[in-house]
């Protein structure tokens, strides 16, 4: 009886040691593994050299805009078509077919003491994505057109003092860019960050 108990205890001890050892190895491997890099842009596909790495933040009038991701897709690509279908974007601006759809991930934050908004009450744009000296226009995402502060595809938004929103925004453009910048105009203030120089 004693021998049987001793064998059972020894077997249990060996099992626990083995499991503990495997857990330590597993954790060590996880710690040594290099995390996959976050892809924040695809500008290299167009031979563009960045002046700064994303994300970049600009601030004016107590309003902060961070460009976190910037992807340029051919309008006929699977990526562009999937986004257009999902959110109801069209591939035309002012009845002119676009060549590229520009997909951005952004974070906006109101650090002022007033409401900052872009809607029927205030139609002034607060930031601009600029390609080759032109402020890009953005088509409306028809499927979430009425959603205020959409976290999927931005159209109208309202930020009270202290509020922040991370979301996505689409633009259209007609050719490969050679100059890219972001700008803010809020409360009489101006800020700019040049991402790609001409």
C-alpha atoms as a PDB file:
ATOM      1  CA  UNK A   1       0.000   0.000   0.000  1.00  0.00           C
ATOM      2  CA  UNK A   2       2.827   2.382   0.988  1.00  0.00           C
ATOM      3  CA  UNK A   3       4.730   1.525  -2.197  1.00  0.00           C
ATOM      4  CA  UNK A   4       1.657   2.278  -4.312  1.00  0.00           C
ATOM      5  CA  UNK A   5       1.176   5.648  -2.603  1.00  0.00           C
ATOM      6  CA  UNK A   6       4.845   6.545  -3.077  1.00  0.00           C
ATOM      7  CA  UNK A   7       4.673   5.669  -6.777  1.00  0.00           C
ATOM      8  CA  UNK A   8       1.535   7.838  -7.183  1.00  0.00           C
ATOM      9  CA  UNK A   9       3.186  10.773  -5.392  1.00  0.00           C
ATOM     10  CA  UNK A  10       6.345  10.466  -7.510  1.00  0.00           C
ATOM     11  CA  UNK A  11       4.312  10.310 -10.727  1.00  0.00           C
ATOM     12  CA  UNK A  12       2.317  13.395  -9.736  1.00  0.00           C
ATOM     13  CA  UNK A  13       5.510  15.286  -8.854  1.00  0.00           C
ATOM     14  CA  UNK A  14       7.089  14.413 -12.206  1.00  0.00           C
ATOM     15  CA  UNK A  15       3.952  15.519 -14.079  1.00  0.00           C
ATOM     16  CA  UNK A  16       3.863  18.878 -12.276  1.00  0.00           C
ATOM     17  CA  UNK A  17       7.585  19.435 -12.950  1.00  0.00           C
ATOM     18  CA  UNK A  18       7.141  18.637 -16.645  1.00  0.00           C
ATOM     19  CA  UNK A  19       4.145  20.984 -17.044  1.00  0.00           C
ATOM     20  CA  UNK A  20       5.942  23.760 -15.122  1.00  0.00           C
ATOM     21  CA  UNK A  21       9.022  23.329 -17.310  1.00  0.00           C
ATOM     22  CA  UNK A  22       6.981  23.514 -20.494  1.00  0.00           C
ATOM     23  CA  UNK A  23       5.218  26.649 -19.227  1.00  0.00           C
ATOM     24  CA  UNK A  24       8.563  28.336 -18.511  1.00  0.00           C
ATOM     25  CA  UNK A  25       9.913  27.418 -21.969  1.00  0.00           C
ATOM     26  CA  UNK A  26       6.720  28.634 -23.597  1.00  0.00           C
ATOM     27  CA  UNK A  27       6.883  31.953 -21.737  1.00  0.00           C
ATOM     28  CA  UNK A  28      10.584  32.363 -22.523  1.00  0.00           C
ATOM     29  CA  UNK A  29       9.895  31.815 -26.227  1.00  0.00           C
ATOM     30  CA  UNK A  30       7.042  34.318 -26.125  1.00  0.00           C
ATOM     31  CA  UNK A  31       9.284  36.897 -24.449  1.00  0.00           C
ATOM     32  CA  UNK A  32      12.034  36.364 -27.042  1.00  0.00           C
ATOM     33  CA  UNK A  33       9.648  36.584 -30.021  1.00  0.00           C
ATOM     34  CA  UNK A  34       9.850  39.903 -31.827  1.00  0.00           C
ATOM     35  CA  UNK A  35       6.415  41.513 -32.255  1.00  0.00           C
ATOM     36  CA  UNK A  36       5.293  41.977 -35.847  1.00  0.00           C
ATOM     37  CA  UNK A  37       5.814  45.567 -37.042  1.00  0.00           C
ATOM     38  CA  UNK A  38       2.711  47.717 -37.415  1.00  0.00           C
ATOM     39  CA  UNK A  39       2.243  48.766 -41.037  1.00  0.00           C
ATOM     40  CA  UNK A  40       1.288  52.435 -40.941  1.00  0.00           C
ATOM     41  CA  UNK A  41       1.642  53.345 -44.623  1.00  0.00           C
ATOM     42  CA  UNK A  42       2.398  51.951 -48.077  1.00  0.00           C
ATOM     43  CA  UNK A  43       4.210  55.007 -49.447  1.00  0.00           C
ATOM     44  CA  UNK A  44       7.233  52.895 -50.417  1.00  0.00           C
ATOM     45  CA  UNK A  45       5.116  51.434 -53.240  1.00  0.00           C
ATOM     46  CA  UNK A  46       5.153  54.861 -54.852  1.00  0.00           C
ATOM     47  CA  UNK A  47       8.867  55.450 -54.282  1.00  0.00           C
ATOM     48  CA  UNK A  48       8.148  58.137 -51.682  1.00  0.00           C
ATOM     49  CA  UNK A  49      10.661  58.973 -48.964  1.00  0.00           C
ATOM     50  CA  UNK A  50       9.100  60.061 -45.665  1.00  0.00           C
ATOM     51  CA  UNK A  51      10.320  63.041 -43.684  1.00  0.00           C
ATOM     52  CA  UNK A  52       8.686  61.672 -40.533  1.00  0.00           C
ATOM     53  CA  UNK A  53       7.330  58.335 -39.412  1.00  0.00           C
ATOM     54  CA  UNK A  54       3.671  57.896 -38.593  1.00  0.00           C
ATOM     55  CA  UNK A  55       1.910  58.563 -36.318  1.00  0.00           C
ATOM     56  CA  UNK A  56       2.235  62.362 -36.498  1.00  0.00           C
ATOM     57  CA  UNK A  57       0.248  64.814 -34.369  1.00  0.00           C
ATOM     58  CA  UNK A  58      -0.577  68.439 -35.106  1.00  0.00           C
ATOM     59  CA  UNK A  59      -2.482  70.833 -32.861  1.00  0.00           C
ATOM     60  CA  UNK A  60      -4.193  74.192 -33.249  1.00  0.00           C
ATOM     61  CA  UNK A  61      -6.787  76.048 -31.188  1.00  0.00           C
ATOM     62  CA  UNK A  62      -6.821  73.323 -28.562  1.00  0.00           C
ATOM     63  CA  UNK A  63      -7.685  70.698 -31.187  1.00  0.00           C
ATOM     64  CA  UNK A  64      -5.351  67.768 -31.807  1.00  0.00           C
ATOM     65  CA  UNK A  65      -5.240  65.651 -34.977  1.00  0.00           C
ATOM     66  CA  UNK A  66      -3.103  62.512 -35.222  1.00  0.00           C
ATOM     67  CA  UNK A  67      -2.564  60.739 -38.530  1.00  0.00           C
ATOM     68  CA  UNK A  68      -1.902  57.162 -37.503  1.00  0.00           C
ATOM     69  CA  UNK A  69      -2.187  55.313 -40.794  1.00  0.00           C
ATOM     70  CA  UNK A  70      -2.062  56.345 -44.464  1.00  0.00           C
ATOM     71  CA  UNK A  71      -2.730  53.796 -47.199  1.00  0.00           C
ATOM     72  CA  UNK A  72      -3.063  54.646 -50.899  1.00  0.00           C
ATOM     73  CA  UNK A  73      -4.990  52.084 -52.955  1.00  0.00           C
ATOM     74  CA  UNK A  74      -5.730  51.913 -56.658  1.00  0.00           C
ATOM     75  CA  UNK A  75      -9.470  52.454 -56.925  1.00  0.00           C
ATOM     76  CA  UNK A  76      -9.863  49.065 -58.657  1.00  0.00           C
ATOM     77  CA  UNK A  77      -7.851  47.131 -56.067  1.00  0.00           C
ATOM     78  CA  UNK A  78      -9.499  44.590 -53.778  1.00  0.00           C
ATOM     79  CA  UNK A  79      -8.749  46.768 -50.728  1.00  0.00           C
ATOM     80  CA  UNK A  80     -10.370  49.880 -52.175  1.00  0.00           C
ATOM     81  CA  UNK A  81     -13.369  48.004 -53.567  1.00  0.00           C
ATOM     82  CA  UNK A  82     -13.990  46.250 -50.240  1.00  0.00           C
ATOM     83  CA  UNK A  83     -13.977  49.558 -48.321  1.00  0.00           C
ATOM     84  CA  UNK A  84     -16.196  51.244 -50.908  1.00  0.00           C
ATOM     85  CA  UNK A  85     -18.705  48.415 -50.771  1.00  0.00           C
ATOM     86  CA  UNK A  86     -18.689  48.158 -46.969  1.00  0.00           C
ATOM     87  CA  UNK A  87     -19.249  51.867 -46.272  1.00  0.00           C
ATOM     88  CA  UNK A  88     -20.952  53.060 -49.446  1.00  0.00           C
ATOM     89  CA  UNK A  89     -18.187  55.248 -50.865  1.00  0.00           C
ATOM     90  CA  UNK A  90     -18.289  56.211 -54.533  1.00  0.00           C
ATOM     91  CA  UNK A  91     -15.255  56.391 -56.820  1.00  0.00           C
ATOM     92  CA  UNK A  92     -16.050  59.869 -58.128  1.00  0.00           C
ATOM     93  CA  UNK A  93     -15.456  63.374 -56.831  1.00  0.00           C
ATOM     94  CA  UNK A  94     -17.254  66.182 -58.650  1.00  0.00           C
ATOM     95  CA  UNK A  95     -18.339  63.609 -61.267  1.00  0.00           C
ATOM     96  CA  UNK A  96     -14.687  62.859 -62.079  1.00  0.00           C
ATOM     97  CA  UNK A  97     -13.496  59.257 -61.597  1.00  0.00           C
ATOM     98  CA  UNK A  98     -10.718  58.974 -59.042  1.00  0.00           C
ATOM     99  CA  UNK A  99      -7.600  56.901 -59.597  1.00  0.00           C
ATOM    100  CA  UNK A 100      -6.702  56.342 -55.933  1.00  0.00           C
ATOM    101  CA  UNK A 101      -8.613  55.910 -52.716  1.00  0.00           C
ATOM    102  CA  UNK A 102      -6.666  57.086 -49.673  1.00  0.00           C
ATOM    103  CA  UNK A 103      -7.586  55.324 -46.422  1.00  0.00           C
ATOM    104  CA  UNK A 104      -6.517  56.968 -43.177  1.00  0.00           C
ATOM    105  CA  UNK A 105      -6.704  56.046 -39.521  1.00  0.00           C
ATOM    106  CA  UNK A 106      -6.892  59.136 -37.325  1.00  0.00           C
ATOM    107  CA  UNK A 107      -7.329  60.238 -33.736  1.00  0.00           C
ATOM    108  CA  UNK A 108      -8.889  63.616 -33.001  1.00  0.00           C
ATOM    109  CA  UNK A 109      -9.011  65.186 -29.554  1.00  0.00           C
ATOM    110  CA  UNK A 110     -10.618  68.331 -28.183  1.00  0.00           C
ATOM    111  CA  UNK A 111      -8.314  69.887 -25.609  1.00  0.00           C
ATOM    112  CA  UNK A 112     -10.121  73.224 -25.701  1.00  0.00           C
ATOM    113  CA  UNK A 113     -12.969  74.482 -23.506  1.00  0.00           C
ATOM    114  CA  UNK A 114     -15.450  74.677 -26.398  1.00  0.00           C
ATOM    115  CA  UNK A 115     -17.273  72.101 -28.505  1.00  0.00           C
ATOM    116  CA  UNK A 116     -15.437  71.351 -31.755  1.00  0.00           C
ATOM    117  CA  UNK A 117     -17.483  69.801 -34.533  1.00  0.00           C
ATOM    118  CA  UNK A 118     -17.935  69.191 -38.242  1.00  0.00           C
ATOM    119  CA  UNK A 119     -21.625  68.860 -39.107  1.00  0.00           C
ATOM    120  CA  UNK A 120     -24.628  70.908 -40.245  1.00  0.00           C
ATOM    121  CA  UNK A 121     -23.997  73.408 -37.432  1.00  0.00           C
ATOM    122  CA  UNK A 122     -20.352  73.943 -38.380  1.00  0.00           C
ATOM    123  CA  UNK A 123     -19.323  72.915 -41.884  1.00  0.00           C
ATOM    124  CA  UNK A 124     -15.743  74.198 -41.649  1.00  0.00           C
ATOM    125  CA  UNK A 125     -13.141  71.467 -42.039  1.00  0.00           C
ATOM    126  CA  UNK A 126     -10.719  71.320 -39.110  1.00  0.00           C
ATOM    127  CA  UNK A 127      -7.932  69.362 -40.795  1.00  0.00           C
ATOM    128  CA  UNK A 128      -6.698  68.746 -44.307  1.00  0.00           C
ATOM    129  CA  UNK A 129      -4.759  65.949 -45.958  1.00  0.00           C
ATOM    130  CA  UNK A 130      -2.762  67.693 -48.660  1.00  0.00           C
ATOM    131  CA  UNK A 131      -1.336  65.997 -51.780  1.00  0.00           C
ATOM    132  CA  UNK A 132       0.794  68.054 -54.185  1.00  0.00           C
ATOM    133  CA  UNK A 133      -0.533  71.331 -52.767  1.00  0.00           C
ATOM    134  CA  UNK A 134      -4.205  70.321 -52.974  1.00  0.00           C
ATOM    135  CA  UNK A 135      -6.432  69.625 -49.985  1.00  0.00           C
ATOM    136  CA  UNK A 136      -8.030  66.267 -50.725  1.00  0.00           C
ATOM    137  CA  UNK A 137     -11.780  65.930 -50.865  1.00  0.00           C
ATOM    138  CA  UNK A 138     -13.482  63.062 -49.128  1.00  0.00           C
ATOM    139  CA  UNK A 139     -16.514  61.178 -50.368  1.00  0.00           C
ATOM    140  CA  UNK A 140     -19.246  60.554 -47.819  1.00  0.00           C
ATOM    141  CA  UNK A 141     -19.662  57.007 -46.484  1.00  0.00           C
ATOM    142  CA  UNK A 142     -23.332  56.603 -47.416  1.00  0.00           C
ATOM    143  CA  UNK A 143     -23.932  53.547 -45.241  1.00  0.00           C
ATOM    144  CA  UNK A 144     -22.927  55.385 -42.058  1.00  0.00           C
ATOM    145  CA  UNK A 145     -23.774  58.896 -43.262  1.00  0.00           C
ATOM    146  CA  UNK A 146     -26.020  59.731 -40.302  1.00  0.00           C
ATOM    147  CA  UNK A 147     -23.752  58.188 -37.652  1.00  0.00           C
ATOM    148  CA  UNK A 148     -22.174  60.888 -35.486  1.00  0.00           C
ATOM    149  CA  UNK A 149     -18.635  60.047 -34.339  1.00  0.00           C
ATOM    150  CA  UNK A 150     -18.511  56.780 -36.284  1.00  0.00           C
ATOM    151  CA  UNK A 151     -15.482  54.741 -35.288  1.00  0.00           C
ATOM    152  CA  UNK A 152     -15.520  52.933 -38.650  1.00  0.00           C
ATOM    153  CA  UNK A 153     -15.861  55.616 -41.342  1.00  0.00           C
ATOM    154  CA  UNK A 154     -16.078  59.281 -40.340  1.00  0.00           C
ATOM    155  CA  UNK A 155     -18.584  61.721 -41.739  1.00  0.00           C
ATOM    156  CA  UNK A 156     -20.005  64.056 -39.078  1.00  0.00           C
ATOM    157  CA  UNK A 157     -18.544  64.431 -35.620  1.00  0.00           C
ATOM    158  CA  UNK A 158     -18.875  66.374 -32.375  1.00  0.00           C
ATOM    159  CA  UNK A 159     -16.281  66.498 -29.603  1.00  0.00           C
ATOM    160  CA  UNK A 160     -17.024  68.083 -26.254  1.00  0.00           C
ATOM    161  CA  UNK A 161     -14.090  69.443 -24.217  1.00  0.00           C
ATOM    162  CA  UNK A 162     -11.804  66.570 -23.224  1.00  0.00           C
ATOM    163  CA  UNK A 163     -13.316  64.072 -25.681  1.00  0.00           C
ATOM    164  CA  UNK A 164     -11.259  61.994 -28.107  1.00  0.00           C
ATOM    165  CA  UNK A 165     -12.171  59.821 -31.111  1.00  0.00           C
ATOM    166  CA  UNK A 166     -10.164  57.262 -33.086  1.00  0.00           C
ATOM    167  CA  UNK A 167     -11.689  56.473 -36.469  1.00  0.00           C
ATOM    168  CA  UNK A 168     -11.053  56.099 -40.229  1.00  0.00           C
ATOM    169  CA  UNK A 169     -11.530  58.483 -43.147  1.00  0.00           C
ATOM    170  CA  UNK A 170     -11.429  58.004 -46.912  1.00  0.00           C
ATOM    171  CA  UNK A 171     -10.208  60.472 -49.549  1.00  0.00           C
ATOM    172  CA  UNK A 172      -9.991  60.363 -53.329  1.00  0.00           C
ATOM    173  CA  UNK A 173      -7.117  61.497 -55.584  1.00  0.00           C
ATOM    174  CA  UNK A 174      -6.387  61.522 -59.300  1.00  0.00           C
ATOM    175  CA  UNK A 175      -2.655  60.731 -59.605  1.00  0.00           C
ATOM    176  CA  UNK A 176       0.373  59.442 -57.720  1.00  0.00           C
ATOM    177  CA  UNK A 177       1.395  62.049 -55.117  1.00  0.00           C
ATOM    178  CA  UNK A 178       4.851  63.605 -54.828  1.00  0.00           C
ATOM    179  CA  UNK A 179       4.156  65.802 -51.774  1.00  0.00           C
ATOM    180  CA  UNK A 180       2.076  64.899 -48.702  1.00  0.00           C
ATOM    181  CA  UNK A 181       1.262  67.032 -45.676  1.00  0.00           C
ATOM    182  CA  UNK A 182      -1.398  67.324 -42.977  1.00  0.00           C
ATOM    183  CA  UNK A 183      -2.716  70.661 -41.680  1.00  0.00           C
ATOM    184  CA  UNK A 184      -5.079  71.898 -38.990  1.00  0.00           C
ATOM    185  CA  UNK A 185      -6.979  75.188 -38.867  1.00  0.00           C
ATOM    186  CA  UNK A 186      -8.894  75.580 -35.621  1.00  0.00           C
ATOM    187  CA  UNK A 187      -9.721  78.612 -33.480  1.00  0.00           C
ATOM    188  CA  UNK A 188      -7.534  80.875 -35.579  1.00  0.00           C
ATOM    189  CA  UNK A 189      -4.541  78.563 -35.126  1.00  0.00           C
ATOM    190  CA  UNK A 190      -2.590  76.673 -37.774  1.00  0.00           C
ATOM    191  CA  UNK A 191      -0.257  73.694 -37.661  1.00  0.00           C
ATOM    192  CA  UNK A 192       1.345  71.557 -40.378  1.00  0.00           C
ATOM    193  CA  UNK A 193       3.448  68.438 -40.670  1.00  0.00           C
ATOM    194  CA  UNK A 194       5.130  67.550 -43.967  1.00  0.00           C
ATOM    195  CA  UNK A 195       5.209  63.778 -44.428  1.00  0.00           C
ATOM    196  CA  UNK A 196       6.738  63.630 -47.936  1.00  0.00           C
ATOM    197  CA  UNK A 197       8.656  66.511 -49.515  1.00  0.00           C
ATOM    198  CA  UNK A 198       8.310  67.241 -53.217  1.00  0.00           C
END
